Amino acid sequence: MIEKPSGQAVTELPPTDRRAHHITIVSETFPPEINGVANTMKHLCQGLVQRGHVVTVVRPGQRREGKGLFDCNGDGLCSRELIVSGLPLPGYKDLQFGLSRPATLKNLWQNRLPDAVYVATQGPLGIAAVSAARKLQIPVISGFHTNFHSYSRYYGVGALERLLCAYGRWFHNRTALTLVPTRKMQAVTRSMGITNAGLWARGVDCQRFTPHKRDAGLRKGWGLGENDKAVLYVGRLALEKNIRKAVACFERIKGLHASARFILVGDGPLRRQLEERHPDYIFCGTRQGDDLARHYASGDLFLFPSKTDTFGNVVLEAMASGLAVVAFDDAAAAEHIRHEENGLKAPLTEDESFINNALRLADQPSLLQRIRAQARLDALELSWHSQIEQFEQLVLNQPAQARYHGVNKQSIQTL
């Protein structure tokens, strides 16, 4: 047993049975970090634990954490966790590459094999996890959570896109199944040569994100009257999020509605530049939990300009909060927004349509209110409970051949 600095010892894992399985989640980002992947891991792990499974998390250390194998801290996200070393991810100082040798993970797992390993990220830690699982013939499933290959064009290294696509193809095709959140991403991954894409969507917590948390005092602090419009953006303030399109869109709205305010929730490398150029914008920084929900509910119109997100959890959070979402016909919007019914969406290639959709909502109060009400009603159907059940089916019911995904198909015939 390993002891945490506090002296808390790691307990033995209970034996699995038909109702409880041992599932290992490997991710280079995890709560309390704030991003879409960490948010998904939170709900996934929490849901699996609530359903009686034993969940081991493997992740890099955060904020001077010690390294080693520990019991989880009682937050209900896992049974135990292996904390490994990490290095900052270039361009994302708050995120890390995890560093671990396959042998370390093999030693951890061979004493009590997981029933399945889910690898959420494609960095060095993910490579080590896939290699260790293959050697031990544990079914290993990967997740396609982030379009890193498409990010390269936003940072002046577009020539790397083909190389990153090839890497993604190699990484994901070494796993039994690659889970993607939308039908569009199934097509994208197949076009990359990833042959094993399965659909696993996302849910939203409609008890946390609700219009009832609208805060008149918060809106007053933003300088808004009762009928003034709060145009909201929630997410990373970065080039790959197409934040400049959101700025251009709001400037057009402000030209017609001078009392409107642009509320930006989140942080990132563009924040200082945006603050200098637009001192009238409201920069709220990173928000979490009920405070985040309060900011959502106090908005009116939500801009989601990204063209690179694999999903975009913020779209569902905005819908649950009763906001009218303007987005491109991609990712979560392609799956869940019905144009002119519960939101407005524009074709990916039509930036002017995105702006015109936002202007329509700002100009037509009755349309805005109707869409806001329908968005909330539709979000109520998108529970995390059903998504966790689907994850179980996908991950725990792999065919026998999944244990030999490290062997070529011709060899499988002889096993």
Protein backbone atom coordinates (compact mmCIF):
# COMPACT_ATOMS: atom_id res chain seq x y z
CA MET A 1 0.00 0.00 0.00
CA ILE A 2 1.04 3.60 -0.66
CA GLU A 3 0.21 6.32 1.81
CA LYS A 4 -0.76 9.85 0.94
CA PRO A 5 1.05 12.63 2.82
CA SER A 6 -1.90 12.73 5.20
CA GLY A 7 -1.35 9.07 6.02
CA GLN A 8 -4.46 7.83 4.21
CA ALA A 9 -3.74 4.38 2.82
CA VAL A 10 -4.88 2.92 -0.46
CA THR A 11 -7.48 0.26 0.12
CA GLU A 12 -7.84 -3.01 -1.70
CA LEU A 13 -10.30 -2.95 -4.56
CA PRO A 14 -13.47 -5.01 -4.09
CA PRO A 15 -13.91 -7.98 -6.40
CA THR A 16 -15.94 -7.40 -9.54
CA ASP A 17 -19.22 -9.13 -10.23
CA ARG A 18 -21.97 -8.88 -12.79
CA ARG A 19 -23.06 -5.51 -11.44
CA ALA A 20 -19.72 -3.88 -10.65
CA HIS A 21 -16.87 -3.69 -13.15
CA HIS A 22 -13.41 -2.25 -12.80
CA ILE A 23 -12.96 0.52 -15.36
CA THR A 24 -9.79 2.57 -15.72
CA ILE A 25 -10.02 6.11 -17.13
CA VAL A 26 -6.81 7.61 -18.51
CA SER A 27 -6.80 11.34 -19.18
CA GLU A 28 -4.22 14.11 -19.32
CA THR A 29 -6.82 16.60 -18.10
CA PHE A 30 -9.19 16.09 -15.19
CA PRO A 31 -11.22 18.15 -12.70
CA PRO A 32 -10.74 20.65 -11.19
CA GLU A 33 -9.19 21.75 -14.49
CA ILE A 34 -11.74 23.63 -16.58
CA ASN A 35 -12.25 22.54 -20.18
CA GLY A 36 -14.61 20.37 -22.16
CA VAL A 37 -12.66 17.15 -21.72
CA ALA A 38 -12.30 17.58 -17.96
CA ASN A 39 -16.00 18.37 -17.69
CA THR A 40 -16.88 15.19 -19.61
CA MET A 41 -14.52 13.12 -17.46
CA LYS A 42 -16.20 14.50 -14.34
CA HIS A 43 -19.66 13.40 -15.42
CA LEU A 44 -18.42 10.09 -16.80
CA CYS A 45 -16.50 9.06 -13.68
CA GLN A 46 -19.22 10.31 -11.35
CA GLY A 47 -21.87 8.42 -13.27
CA LEU A 48 -19.90 5.18 -13.35
CA VAL A 49 -19.25 5.32 -9.59
CA GLN A 50 -22.92 6.00 -8.91
CA ARG A 51 -23.78 2.91 -10.93
CA GLY A 52 -21.58 0.78 -8.67
CA HIS A 53 -18.45 0.44 -10.77
CA VAL A 54 -14.90 0.63 -9.47
CA VAL A 55 -13.19 3.49 -11.28
CA THR A 56 -9.43 4.00 -11.33
CA VAL A 57 -8.21 7.28 -12.83
CA VAL A 58 -4.71 7.72 -14.27
CA ARG A 59 -3.73 11.37 -14.76
CA PRO A 60 -0.90 13.92 -14.39
CA GLY A 61 -0.49 15.67 -11.06
CA GLN A 62 -1.99 19.11 -10.52
CA ARG A 63 -0.86 22.00 -8.31
CA ARG A 64 2.12 20.35 -6.62
CA GLU A 65 0.33 17.07 -5.96
CA GLY A 66 2.42 14.11 -4.92
CA LYS A 67 2.92 11.26 -7.35
CA GLY A 68 1.74 7.72 -6.70
CA LEU A 69 -1.34 5.59 -6.15
CA PHE A 70 -3.93 7.09 -3.82
CA ASP A 71 -7.49 6.65 -2.69
CA CYS A 72 -9.73 9.32 -4.16
CA ASN A 73 -10.58 12.28 -1.94
CA GLY A 74 -14.25 11.60 -1.40
CA ASP A 75 -15.60 13.73 -4.25
CA GLY A 76 -17.30 10.69 -5.74
CA LEU A 77 -15.35 10.78 -9.00
CA CYS A 78 -13.31 7.61 -8.59
CA SER A 79 -12.22 4.81 -6.28
CA ARG A 80 -8.50 5.44 -6.58
CA GLU A 81 -6.11 7.31 -8.83
CA LEU A 82 -2.58 6.94 -10.10
CA ILE A 83 -0.98 10.38 -10.32
CA VAL A 84 1.96 10.61 -12.71
CA SER A 85 4.41 13.32 -13.73
CA GLY A 86 3.49 15.88 -16.36
CA LEU A 87 4.88 18.64 -18.56
CA PRO A 88 2.98 21.76 -19.76
CA LEU A 89 1.32 21.48 -23.15
CA PRO A 90 2.72 24.14 -25.55
CA GLY A 91 0.19 26.93 -25.97
CA TYR A 92 -1.92 25.58 -23.10
CA LYS A 93 0.05 26.32 -19.95
CA ASP A 94 -2.79 25.07 -17.74
CA LEU A 95 -2.80 21.62 -19.40
CA GLN A 96 -0.15 18.93 -19.28
CA PHE A 97 1.25 15.94 -21.07
CA GLY A 98 1.21 12.96 -18.73
CA LEU A 99 4.43 10.97 -18.47
CA SER A 100 4.44 7.30 -17.59
CA ARG A 101 6.16 4.16 -18.83
CA PRO A 102 3.96 1.32 -20.14
CA ALA A 103 5.69 -0.94 -17.61
CA THR A 104 4.41 1.20 -14.72
CA LEU A 105 0.83 0.85 -15.88
CA LYS A 106 1.31 -2.83 -16.66
CA ASN A 107 2.49 -3.44 -13.10
CA LEU A 108 -0.51 -1.54 -11.73
CA TRP A 109 -3.02 -3.46 -13.81
CA GLN A 110 -1.66 -7.00 -13.83
CA ASN A 111 -2.33 -7.45 -10.10
CA ARG A 112 -5.99 -6.89 -10.73
CA LEU A 113 -6.94 -6.47 -14.36
CA PRO A 114 -9.44 -3.77 -15.31
CA ASP A 115 -12.40 -5.00 -17.32
CA ALA A 116 -11.78 -2.12 -19.71
CA VAL A 117 -9.47 0.87 -20.14
CA TYR A 118 -10.78 4.14 -21.60
CA VAL A 119 -8.08 6.50 -22.91
CA ALA A 120 -9.48 10.00 -23.31
CA THR A 121 -6.38 11.83 -24.56
CA GLN A 122 -3.76 11.13 -27.21
CA GLY A 123 -0.59 12.33 -25.50
CA PRO A 124 2.35 10.33 -24.10
CA LEU A 125 0.26 9.03 -21.20
CA GLY A 126 -2.36 7.79 -23.64
CA ILE A 127 0.28 6.01 -25.71
CA ALA A 128 1.67 4.30 -22.60
CA ALA A 129 -1.82 3.23 -21.52
CA VAL A 130 -2.71 1.76 -24.91
CA SER A 131 0.58 -0.12 -25.06
CA ALA A 132 0.17 -1.55 -21.55
CA ALA A 133 -3.43 -2.59 -22.17
CA ARG A 134 -2.50 -4.32 -25.43
CA LYS A 135 0.26 -6.29 -23.72
CA LEU A 136 -2.15 -7.43 -21.01
CA GLN A 137 -4.95 -8.06 -23.56
CA ILE A 138 -7.30 -5.68 -21.76
CA PRO A 139 -9.95 -4.16 -24.04
CA VAL A 140 -8.86 -0.55 -24.58
CA ILE A 141 -11.15 2.11 -26.01
CA SER A 142 -10.10 5.63 -26.96
CA GLY A 143 -11.97 8.92 -27.09
CA PHE A 144 -11.67 11.58 -29.79
CA HIS A 145 -12.33 14.65 -27.64
CA THR A 146 -10.15 17.33 -29.24
CA ASN A 147 -9.38 18.39 -32.82
CA PHE A 148 -5.70 19.07 -32.17
CA HIS A 149 -4.83 18.49 -35.83
CA SER A 150 -7.14 21.35 -36.87
CA TYR A 151 -5.72 23.69 -34.20
CA SER A 152 -2.37 23.80 -36.02
CA ARG A 153 -3.69 26.13 -38.73
CA TYR A 154 -4.58 28.76 -36.09
CA TYR A 155 -1.02 28.90 -34.75
CA GLY A 156 0.93 29.26 -37.98
CA VAL A 157 1.95 25.61 -38.23
CA GLY A 158 -0.69 24.36 -40.66
CA ALA A 159 1.95 22.20 -42.34
CA LEU A 160 1.77 19.95 -39.27
CA GLU A 161 -1.89 19.13 -39.86
CA ARG A 162 -1.17 16.12 -42.09
CA LEU A 163 1.40 14.82 -39.62
CA LEU A 164 -1.02 15.20 -36.71
CA CYS A 165 -3.72 13.42 -38.72
CA ALA A 166 -1.35 10.53 -39.36
CA TYR A 167 -0.50 10.38 -35.67
CA GLY A 168 -4.19 10.36 -34.72
CA ARG A 169 -4.86 7.57 -37.21
CA TRP A 170 -2.00 5.49 -35.78
CA PHE A 171 -3.05 6.11 -32.18
CA HIS A 172 -6.77 5.41 -32.50
CA ASN A 173 -6.44 2.41 -34.80
CA ARG A 174 -4.44 0.65 -32.06
CA THR A 175 -7.58 0.64 -29.89
CA ALA A 176 -10.67 -1.54 -30.16
CA LEU A 177 -13.03 1.42 -30.57
CA THR A 178 -12.79 5.20 -30.82
CA LEU A 179 -15.71 7.09 -29.27
CA VAL A 180 -16.75 10.37 -30.93
CA PRO A 181 -19.57 12.69 -29.78
CA THR A 182 -21.38 13.41 -33.07
CA ARG A 183 -22.21 11.85 -36.41
CA LYS A 184 -20.18 14.59 -38.06
CA MET A 185 -17.10 13.51 -36.08
CA GLN A 186 -17.69 9.92 -37.15
CA ALA A 187 -17.37 11.10 -40.73
CA VAL A 188 -14.33 13.24 -39.91
CA THR A 189 -12.47 10.43 -38.17
CA ARG A 190 -13.27 8.01 -40.97
CA SER A 191 -11.88 10.51 -43.48
CA MET A 192 -8.69 10.54 -41.38
CA GLY A 193 -8.44 6.76 -41.77
CA ILE A 194 -9.67 5.92 -38.25
CA THR A 195 -11.69 2.80 -38.95
CA ASN A 196 -13.37 2.06 -35.63
CA ALA A 197 -15.43 5.13 -34.68
CA GLY A 198 -18.44 4.65 -32.42
CA LEU A 199 -20.92 7.31 -31.31
CA TRP A 200 -21.04 8.42 -27.67
CA ALA A 201 -22.84 11.73 -27.12
CA ARG A 202 -22.90 14.12 -24.15
CA GLY A 203 -25.45 15.17 -21.58
CA VAL A 204 -26.13 18.26 -19.50
CA ASP A 205 -27.02 18.85 -15.86
CA CYS A 206 -30.35 20.66 -16.09
CA GLN A 207 -30.61 21.00 -12.31
CA ARG A 208 -27.46 23.08 -12.20
CA PHE A 209 -27.97 24.94 -15.47
CA THR A 210 -31.44 26.46 -15.30
CA PRO A 211 -33.15 29.77 -16.13
CA HIS A 212 -34.21 30.02 -12.46
CA LYS A 213 -30.68 31.17 -11.59
CA ARG A 214 -31.07 34.43 -13.50
CA ASP A 215 -29.65 37.17 -11.28
CA ALA A 216 -30.98 40.73 -11.60
CA GLY A 217 -28.16 42.03 -9.42
CA LEU A 218 -25.53 40.47 -11.65
CA ARG A 219 -27.15 41.96 -14.74
CA LYS A 220 -27.26 45.38 -13.06
CA GLY A 221 -23.55 45.05 -12.35
CA TRP A 222 -23.03 44.49 -16.07
CA GLY A 223 -24.78 47.78 -16.75
CA LEU A 224 -27.95 46.24 -18.16
CA GLY A 225 -31.54 47.38 -17.78
CA GLU A 226 -34.42 44.94 -17.63
CA ASN A 227 -34.92 44.87 -21.41
CA ASP A 228 -31.27 45.24 -22.47
CA LYS A 229 -29.53 42.30 -24.11
CA ALA A 230 -26.62 40.38 -22.57
CA VAL A 231 -24.70 38.67 -25.37
CA LEU A 232 -22.76 35.82 -23.78
CA TYR A 233 -19.65 33.86 -24.74
CA VAL A 234 -18.36 31.04 -22.53
CA GLY A 235 -15.11 29.29 -23.34
CA ARG A 236 -11.42 29.67 -23.92
CA LEU A 237 -10.34 33.06 -25.28
CA ALA A 238 -8.14 31.66 -28.02
CA LEU A 239 -7.72 31.73 -31.79
CA GLU A 240 -8.94 28.19 -32.38
CA LYS A 241 -12.28 29.07 -30.75
CA ASN A 242 -12.89 31.67 -33.49
CA ILE A 243 -13.36 34.29 -30.78
CA ARG A 244 -12.68 37.09 -33.26
CA LYS A 245 -15.84 36.14 -35.15
CA ALA A 246 -17.80 36.51 -31.92
CA VAL A 247 -16.25 39.98 -31.46
CA ALA A 248 -17.16 41.00 -35.02
CA CYS A 249 -20.68 39.71 -34.46
CA PHE A 250 -21.18 41.65 -31.23
CA GLU A 251 -19.84 44.86 -32.78
CA ARG A 252 -22.58 44.60 -35.40
CA ILE A 253 -25.18 44.05 -32.68
CA LYS A 254 -23.88 47.02 -30.69
CA GLY A 255 -24.13 49.20 -33.78
CA LEU A 256 -27.89 48.68 -33.71
CA HIS A 257 -28.45 48.17 -29.99
CA ALA A 258 -26.11 50.48 -28.10
CA SER A 259 -27.28 49.22 -24.69
CA ALA A 260 -26.23 45.61 -25.38
CA ARG A 261 -23.26 44.25 -23.43
CA PHE A 262 -20.79 41.52 -24.40
CA ILE A 263 -20.15 39.16 -21.47
CA LEU A 264 -17.12 36.88 -21.83
CA VAL A 265 -16.74 34.03 -19.34
CA GLY A 266 -13.40 32.24 -19.54
CA ASP A 267 -9.72 32.93 -19.93
CA GLY A 268 -6.99 32.36 -22.48
CA PRO A 269 -4.12 33.88 -24.45
CA LEU A 270 -6.28 36.50 -26.20
CA ARG A 271 -7.77 37.97 -23.04
CA ARG A 272 -5.26 40.79 -22.54
CA GLN A 273 -5.47 41.85 -26.19
CA LEU A 274 -9.26 41.84 -26.10
CA GLU A 275 -9.34 43.85 -22.86
CA GLU A 276 -7.07 46.48 -24.37
CA ARG A 277 -9.08 46.80 -27.58
CA HIS A 278 -12.54 46.55 -26.04
CA PRO A 279 -12.58 48.11 -22.55
CA ASP A 280 -16.38 48.19 -22.66
CA TYR A 281 -16.62 44.38 -22.71
CA ILE A 282 -17.31 42.53 -19.45
CA PHE A 283 -14.54 39.99 -18.76
CA CYS A 284 -15.69 37.63 -16.02
CA GLY A 285 -12.75 35.23 -16.05
CA THR A 286 -13.15 31.55 -15.26
CA ARG A 287 -16.34 30.59 -13.41
CA GLN A 288 -17.40 27.25 -11.96
CA GLY A 289 -20.39 25.46 -10.49
CA ASP A 290 -23.41 27.50 -9.47
CA ASP A 291 -21.53 30.73 -10.15
CA LEU A 292 -21.09 29.68 -13.77
CA ALA A 293 -24.76 28.66 -13.94
CA ARG A 294 -25.74 32.11 -12.63
CA HIS A 295 -23.73 33.78 -15.41
CA TYR A 296 -25.36 31.61 -18.06
CA ALA A 297 -28.88 32.24 -16.80
CA SER A 298 -28.30 36.00 -16.65
CA GLY A 299 -27.56 36.16 -20.37
CA ASP A 300 -29.99 36.36 -23.30
CA LEU A 301 -28.17 35.44 -26.50
CA PHE A 302 -25.30 32.96 -26.66
CA LEU A 303 -22.57 33.02 -29.33
CA PHE A 304 -20.71 29.81 -30.16
CA PRO A 305 -18.46 30.70 -33.12
CA SER A 306 -16.09 27.70 -32.94
CA LYS A 307 -15.43 25.61 -36.03
CA THR A 308 -12.94 23.25 -34.37
CA ASP A 309 -14.78 21.77 -31.37
CA THR A 310 -15.57 18.08 -31.50
CA PHE A 311 -18.68 18.82 -29.46
CA GLY A 312 -18.93 21.95 -27.32
CA ASN A 313 -20.54 21.22 -23.95
CA VAL A 314 -21.26 24.94 -23.56
CA VAL A 315 -23.96 24.69 -26.22
CA LEU A 316 -26.00 22.29 -24.09
CA GLU A 317 -25.31 24.31 -20.95
CA ALA A 318 -26.57 27.45 -22.68
CA MET A 319 -29.69 25.66 -23.92
CA ALA A 320 -30.38 24.29 -20.43
CA SER A 321 -30.01 27.84 -19.07
CA GLY A 322 -32.66 29.09 -21.45
CA LEU A 323 -30.42 31.01 -23.86
CA ALA A 324 -30.87 31.42 -27.60
CA VAL A 325 -27.77 29.87 -29.19
CA VAL A 326 -26.19 31.13 -32.40
CA ALA A 327 -23.70 28.64 -33.80
CA PHE A 328 -22.34 27.10 -36.96
CA ASP A 329 -23.93 23.87 -38.21
CA ASP A 330 -21.28 21.71 -36.60
CA ALA A 331 -20.49 19.73 -33.45
CA ALA A 332 -23.18 19.97 -30.73
CA ALA A 333 -25.19 22.50 -32.74
CA ALA A 334 -25.46 20.11 -35.68
CA GLU A 335 -26.80 17.42 -33.37
CA HIS A 336 -29.10 19.39 -31.09
CA ILE A 337 -30.10 22.71 -32.62
CA ARG A 338 -33.07 22.83 -34.98
CA HIS A 339 -32.80 26.05 -36.92
CA GLU A 340 -35.38 28.65 -35.91
CA GLU A 341 -36.93 26.29 -33.35
CA ASN A 342 -34.48 26.01 -30.44
CA GLY A 343 -31.58 28.06 -31.82
CA LEU A 344 -30.11 29.47 -35.01
CA LYS A 345 -27.23 27.94 -36.95
CA ALA A 346 -25.28 28.88 -40.07
CA PRO A 347 -23.38 26.75 -42.61
CA LEU A 348 -19.69 26.45 -41.72
CA THR A 349 -18.62 28.46 -44.75
CA GLU A 350 -21.08 31.33 -44.25
CA ASP A 351 -19.71 33.69 -41.62
CA GLU A 352 -22.14 36.44 -42.62
CA SER A 353 -25.07 34.10 -41.94
CA PHE A 354 -23.77 33.57 -38.41
CA ILE A 355 -23.80 37.33 -37.83
CA ASN A 356 -27.20 37.79 -39.46
CA ASN A 357 -28.67 35.10 -37.22
CA ALA A 358 -27.47 36.96 -34.15
CA LEU A 359 -28.86 40.23 -35.47
CA ARG A 360 -32.26 38.59 -36.03
CA LEU A 361 -32.43 37.49 -32.42
CA ALA A 362 -31.36 40.92 -31.17
CA ASP A 363 -34.00 42.59 -33.36
CA GLN A 364 -36.93 40.22 -32.76
CA PRO A 365 -37.83 39.86 -29.05
CA SER A 366 -40.67 37.41 -29.74
CA LEU A 367 -38.40 35.09 -31.73
CA LEU A 368 -35.74 35.35 -29.02
CA GLN A 369 -38.17 34.40 -26.25
CA ARG A 370 -39.72 31.52 -28.20
CA ILE A 371 -36.33 30.00 -28.98
CA ARG A 372 -35.14 30.42 -25.40
CA ALA A 373 -38.16 28.56 -24.05
CA GLN A 374 -37.82 25.70 -26.56
CA ALA A 375 -34.08 25.37 -25.93
CA ARG A 376 -34.74 24.74 -22.24
CA LEU A 377 -37.43 22.16 -22.99
CA ASP A 378 -35.17 20.27 -25.39
CA ALA A 379 -32.23 20.31 -22.98
CA LEU A 380 -34.37 18.55 -20.37
CA GLU A 381 -34.26 15.46 -22.60
CA LEU A 382 -30.43 15.33 -22.63
CA SER A 383 -29.56 13.67 -19.33
CA TRP A 384 -26.12 12.36 -18.41
CA HIS A 385 -27.80 9.25 -17.00
CA SER A 386 -28.63 7.91 -20.45
CA GLN A 387 -25.15 8.74 -21.75
CA ILE A 388 -23.47 6.80 -18.94
CA GLU A 389 -25.65 3.78 -19.75
CA GLN A 390 -24.59 4.03 -23.38
CA PHE A 391 -20.92 4.28 -22.37
CA GLU A 392 -21.28 1.08 -20.34
CA GLN A 393 -22.74 -0.75 -23.32
CA LEU A 394 -20.02 0.43 -25.68
CA VAL A 395 -17.06 -0.16 -23.37
CA LEU A 396 -18.05 -3.26 -21.41
CA ASN A 397 -19.57 -5.28 -24.24
CA GLN A 398 -16.64 -5.44 -26.61
CA PRO A 399 -16.41 -8.73 -28.55
CA ALA A 400 -13.79 -11.28 -27.64
CA GLN A 401 -11.58 -10.06 -30.50
CA ALA A 402 -11.17 -6.74 -28.68
CA ARG A 403 -8.69 -8.45 -26.39
CA TYR A 404 -6.48 -9.01 -29.41
CA HIS A 405 -6.64 -5.58 -30.99
CA GLY A 406 -2.87 -5.50 -30.75
CA VAL A 407 -2.60 -8.47 -33.08
CA ASN A 408 -3.12 -8.26 -36.82
CA LYS A 409 -6.42 -9.50 -38.17
CA GLN A 410 -4.90 -12.52 -39.88
CA SER A 411 -3.44 -13.70 -36.57
CA ILE A 412 -6.84 -13.37 -34.88
CA GLN A 413 -8.19 -16.06 -37.16
CA THR A 414 -5.82 -18.59 -35.57
CA LEU A 415 -6.43 -17.68 -31.92
